[in-house]
Amino acid sequence: VDIDEEGKSQFSTIAQWANINAIIGFVSLGLSVISTIIGVGKGVSSAGGDMFGLIITVAISLALNITLLAAATNIKKGIEQTDQGHFALGLNKMATYFKIVGILTIVVLVIFTLALLVVLVAGVGGVFR
């Protein structure tokens, strides 16, 4: 990798924090799975809806955290071994991670906006009755 020492230091820090965030994401996912299973087992929540939500959450979380961990690992290898291939792959994985996060953010914003519109229309409809 043809970057100066300051750049190597910055990318090493980025890789380190990406690694920490991925590990925290995996731990958080594990706690979420345990919490959902305990809640369903105690009858606190419905098994069908919670399990469907859990499957979606697990799929998204695994995709994000595996991608982030791969980015961190490859960036670190690229810097340590001065390997352009690993470094480029790490940056590509990092870009993919942010694309996924961006798409998910847009989807959530659209869903919340639609829900807000439905609530507003229902509220206005209730006022005129």
C-alpha atoms as a PDB file:
ATOM      1  CA  VAL A   1       0.000   0.000   0.000  1.00  0.00           C
ATOM      2  CA  ASP A   2       1.541   3.271  -1.095  1.00  0.00           C
ATOM      3  CA  ILE A   3       0.434   5.656   1.657  1.00  0.00           C
ATOM      4  CA  ASP A   4       2.487   7.627   4.148  1.00  0.00           C
ATOM      5  CA  GLU A   5       2.798   6.795   7.845  1.00  0.00           C
ATOM      6  CA  GLU A   6       0.016   9.215   8.801  1.00  0.00           C
ATOM      7  CA  GLY A   7      -2.332   7.526   6.319  1.00  0.00           C
ATOM      8  CA  LYS A   8      -1.363   4.077   7.604  1.00  0.00           C
ATOM      9  CA  SER A   9      -2.044   5.225  11.143  1.00  0.00           C
ATOM     10  CA  GLN A  10      -5.442   6.639  10.186  1.00  0.00           C
ATOM     11  CA  PHE A  11      -6.475   3.497   8.283  1.00  0.00           C
ATOM     12  CA  SER A  12      -5.250   1.302  11.148  1.00  0.00           C
ATOM     13  CA  THR A  13      -7.438   3.284  13.528  1.00  0.00           C
ATOM     14  CA  ILE A  14     -10.409   2.962  11.158  1.00  0.00           C
ATOM     15  CA  ALA A  15      -9.842  -0.802  10.926  1.00  0.00           C
ATOM     16  CA  GLN A  16      -9.560  -1.098  14.697  1.00  0.00           C
ATOM     17  CA  TRP A  17     -12.826   0.766  15.296  1.00  0.00           C
ATOM     18  CA  ALA A  18     -14.586  -1.173  12.534  1.00  0.00           C
ATOM     19  CA  ASN A  19     -13.464  -4.384  14.230  1.00  0.00           C
ATOM     20  CA  ILE A  20     -14.729  -3.182  17.620  1.00  0.00           C
ATOM     21  CA  ASN A  21     -18.073  -2.127  16.114  1.00  0.00           C
ATOM     22  CA  ALA A  22     -18.483  -5.487  14.368  1.00  0.00           C
ATOM     23  CA  ILE A  23     -17.788  -7.398  17.588  1.00  0.00           C
ATOM     24  CA  ILE A  24     -20.231  -5.212  19.521  1.00  0.00           C
ATOM     25  CA  GLY A  25     -22.772  -5.822  16.750  1.00  0.00           C
ATOM     26  CA  PHE A  26     -22.380  -9.598  17.090  1.00  0.00           C
ATOM     27  CA  VAL A  27     -22.727  -9.407  20.887  1.00  0.00           C
ATOM     28  CA  SER A  28     -25.788  -7.171  20.541  1.00  0.00           C
ATOM     29  CA  LEU A  29     -27.321  -9.608  18.072  1.00  0.00           C
ATOM     30  CA  GLY A  30     -26.708 -12.491  20.459  1.00  0.00           C
ATOM     31  CA  LEU A  31     -28.368 -10.600  23.313  1.00  0.00           C
ATOM     32  CA  SER A  32     -31.305  -9.734  21.064  1.00  0.00           C
ATOM     33  CA  VAL A  33     -31.774 -13.383  20.102  1.00  0.00           C
ATOM     34  CA  ILE A  34     -31.622 -14.474  23.756  1.00  0.00           C
ATOM     35  CA  SER A  35     -34.042 -11.730  24.796  1.00  0.00           C
ATOM     36  CA  THR A  36     -36.549 -12.637  22.083  1.00  0.00           C
ATOM     37  CA  ILE A  37     -36.385 -16.346  22.898  1.00  0.00           C
ATOM     38  CA  ILE A  38     -36.879 -15.656  26.616  1.00  0.00           C
ATOM     39  CA  GLY A  39     -39.789 -13.289  25.876  1.00  0.00           C
ATOM     40  CA  VAL A  40     -41.517 -15.820  23.646  1.00  0.00           C
ATOM     41  CA  GLY A  41     -40.855 -18.604  26.164  1.00  0.00           C
ATOM     42  CA  LYS A  42     -42.428 -16.607  28.986  1.00  0.00           C
ATOM     43  CA  GLY A  43     -45.416 -15.736  26.825  1.00  0.00           C
ATOM     44  CA  VAL A  44     -44.621 -12.024  27.022  1.00  0.00           C
ATOM     45  CA  SER A  45     -44.846 -11.724  23.261  1.00  0.00           C
ATOM     46  CA  SER A  46     -46.215 -13.605  20.288  1.00  0.00           C
ATOM     47  CA  ALA A  47     -43.973 -16.260  18.799  1.00  0.00           C
ATOM     48  CA  GLY A  48     -44.926 -15.663  15.160  1.00  0.00           C
ATOM     49  CA  GLY A  49     -44.352 -11.945  14.905  1.00  0.00           C
ATOM     50  CA  ASP A  50     -41.305 -11.877  17.133  1.00  0.00           C
ATOM     51  CA  MET A  51     -39.654 -14.798  15.379  1.00  0.00           C
ATOM     52  CA  PHE A  52     -40.250 -13.209  11.961  1.00  0.00           C
ATOM     53  CA  GLY A  53     -38.755  -9.949  13.227  1.00  0.00           C
ATOM     54  CA  LEU A  54     -35.866 -11.869  14.759  1.00  0.00           C
ATOM     55  CA  ILE A  55     -35.097 -13.625  11.463  1.00  0.00           C
ATOM     56  CA  ILE A  56     -35.045 -10.294   9.610  1.00  0.00           C
ATOM     57  CA  THR A  57     -32.901  -8.731  12.350  1.00  0.00           C
ATOM     58  CA  VAL A  58     -30.450 -11.640  12.335  1.00  0.00           C
ATOM     59  CA  ALA A  59     -30.115 -11.551   8.539  1.00  0.00           C
ATOM     60  CA  ILE A  60     -29.489  -7.802   8.400  1.00  0.00           C
ATOM     61  CA  SER A  61     -27.188  -7.775  11.415  1.00  0.00           C
ATOM     62  CA  LEU A  62     -25.117 -10.698  10.146  1.00  0.00           C
ATOM     63  CA  ALA A  63     -24.780  -9.110   6.698  1.00  0.00           C
ATOM     64  CA  LEU A  64     -23.661  -5.809   8.200  1.00  0.00           C
ATOM     65  CA  ASN A  65     -21.320  -7.159  10.849  1.00  0.00           C
ATOM     66  CA  ILE A  66     -19.678  -9.791   8.649  1.00  0.00           C
ATOM     67  CA  THR A  67     -19.077  -7.134   5.990  1.00  0.00           C
ATOM     68  CA  LEU A  68     -17.658  -4.709   8.559  1.00  0.00           C
ATOM     69  CA  LEU A  69     -15.419  -7.383  10.093  1.00  0.00           C
ATOM     70  CA  ALA A  70     -14.150  -8.380   6.637  1.00  0.00           C
ATOM     71  CA  ALA A  71     -13.417  -4.734   5.865  1.00  0.00           C
ATOM     72  CA  ALA A  72     -11.455  -4.291   9.083  1.00  0.00           C
ATOM     73  CA  THR A  73      -9.507  -7.514   8.609  1.00  0.00           C
ATOM     74  CA  ASN A  74      -8.575  -6.782   5.008  1.00  0.00           C
ATOM     75  CA  ILE A  75      -7.594  -3.160   5.651  1.00  0.00           C
ATOM     76  CA  LYS A  76      -5.404  -4.293   8.550  1.00  0.00           C
ATOM     77  CA  LYS A  77      -3.768  -7.042   6.449  1.00  0.00           C
ATOM     78  CA  GLY A  78      -3.261  -4.631   3.583  1.00  0.00           C
ATOM     79  CA  ILE A  79      -1.431  -2.165   5.797  1.00  0.00           C
ATOM     80  CA  GLU A  80       0.615  -4.728   7.744  1.00  0.00           C
ATOM     81  CA  GLN A  81       1.650  -6.756   4.689  1.00  0.00           C
ATOM     82  CA  THR A  82       1.752  -3.778   2.287  1.00  0.00           C
ATOM     83  CA  ASP A  83      -0.658  -5.739   0.108  1.00  0.00           C
ATOM     84  CA  GLN A  84      -2.680  -3.559  -2.249  1.00  0.00           C
ATOM     85  CA  GLY A  85      -5.146  -6.395  -2.921  1.00  0.00           C
ATOM     86  CA  HIS A  86      -6.176  -6.827   0.705  1.00  0.00           C
ATOM     87  CA  PHE A  87      -6.274  -3.084   1.238  1.00  0.00           C
ATOM     88  CA  ALA A  88      -8.494  -2.499  -1.809  1.00  0.00           C
ATOM     89  CA  LEU A  89     -10.767  -5.393  -0.809  1.00  0.00           C
ATOM     90  CA  GLY A  90     -11.072  -3.914   2.681  1.00  0.00           C
ATOM     91  CA  LEU A  91     -12.048  -0.514   1.303  1.00  0.00           C
ATOM     92  CA  ASN A  92     -14.519  -2.198  -1.053  1.00  0.00           C
ATOM     93  CA  LYS A  93     -16.097  -4.074   1.883  1.00  0.00           C
ATOM     94  CA  MET A  94     -16.243  -0.821   3.856  1.00  0.00           C
ATOM     95  CA  ALA A  95     -18.013   0.877   0.926  1.00  0.00           C
ATOM     96  CA  THR A  96     -20.455  -2.055   0.725  1.00  0.00           C
ATOM     97  CA  TYR A  97     -21.142  -1.741   4.456  1.00  0.00           C
ATOM     98  CA  PHE A  98     -21.997   1.946   4.113  1.00  0.00           C
ATOM     99  CA  LYS A  99     -24.160   1.270   1.044  1.00  0.00           C
ATOM    100  CA  ILE A 100     -26.177  -1.290   3.030  1.00  0.00           C
ATOM    101  CA  VAL A 101     -26.527   1.111   5.971  1.00  0.00           C
ATOM    102  CA  GLY A 102     -27.586   3.908   3.602  1.00  0.00           C
ATOM    103  CA  ILE A 103     -30.207   1.765   1.884  1.00  0.00           C
ATOM    104  CA  LEU A 104     -31.575   0.566   5.227  1.00  0.00           C
ATOM    105  CA  THR A 105     -31.731   4.159   6.467  1.00  0.00           C
ATOM    106  CA  ILE A 106     -33.692   5.242   3.392  1.00  0.00           C
ATOM    107  CA  VAL A 107     -36.098   2.292   3.751  1.00  0.00           C
ATOM    108  CA  VAL A 108     -36.701   3.073   7.437  1.00  0.00           C
ATOM    109  CA  LEU A 109     -37.244   6.781   6.705  1.00  0.00           C
ATOM    110  CA  VAL A 110     -39.763   5.936   3.968  1.00  0.00           C
ATOM    111  CA  ILE A 111     -41.626   3.538   6.269  1.00  0.00           C
ATOM    112  CA  PHE A 112     -41.725   6.101   9.096  1.00  0.00           C
ATOM    113  CA  THR A 113     -42.869   8.823   6.696  1.00  0.00           C
ATOM    114  CA  LEU A 114     -45.670   6.623   5.359  1.00  0.00           C
ATOM    115  CA  ALA A 115     -46.697   5.682   8.910  1.00  0.00           C
ATOM    116  CA  LEU A 116     -46.734   9.356   9.889  1.00  0.00           C
ATOM    117  CA  LEU A 117     -48.914  10.182   6.875  1.00  0.00           C
ATOM    118  CA  VAL A 118     -51.324   7.380   7.762  1.00  0.00           C
ATOM    119  CA  VAL A 119     -51.564   8.625  11.350  1.00  0.00           C
ATOM    120  CA  LEU A 120     -52.076  12.214  10.204  1.00  0.00           C
ATOM    121  CA  VAL A 121     -54.760  11.256   7.678  1.00  0.00           C
ATOM    122  CA  ALA A 122     -56.510   9.084  10.248  1.00  0.00           C
ATOM    123  CA  GLY A 123     -56.293  11.883  12.820  1.00  0.00           C
ATOM    124  CA  VAL A 124     -57.660  14.495  10.410  1.00  0.00           C
ATOM    125  CA  GLY A 125     -60.412  12.095   9.387  1.00  0.00           C
ATOM    126  CA  GLY A 126     -61.339  11.639  13.033  1.00  0.00           C
ATOM    127  CA  VAL A 127     -61.554  15.389  13.587  1.00  0.00           C
ATOM    128  CA  PHE A 128     -64.209  15.872  10.908  1.00  0.00           C
ATOM    129  CA  ARG A 129     -66.520  13.103  12.091  1.00  0.00           C
END
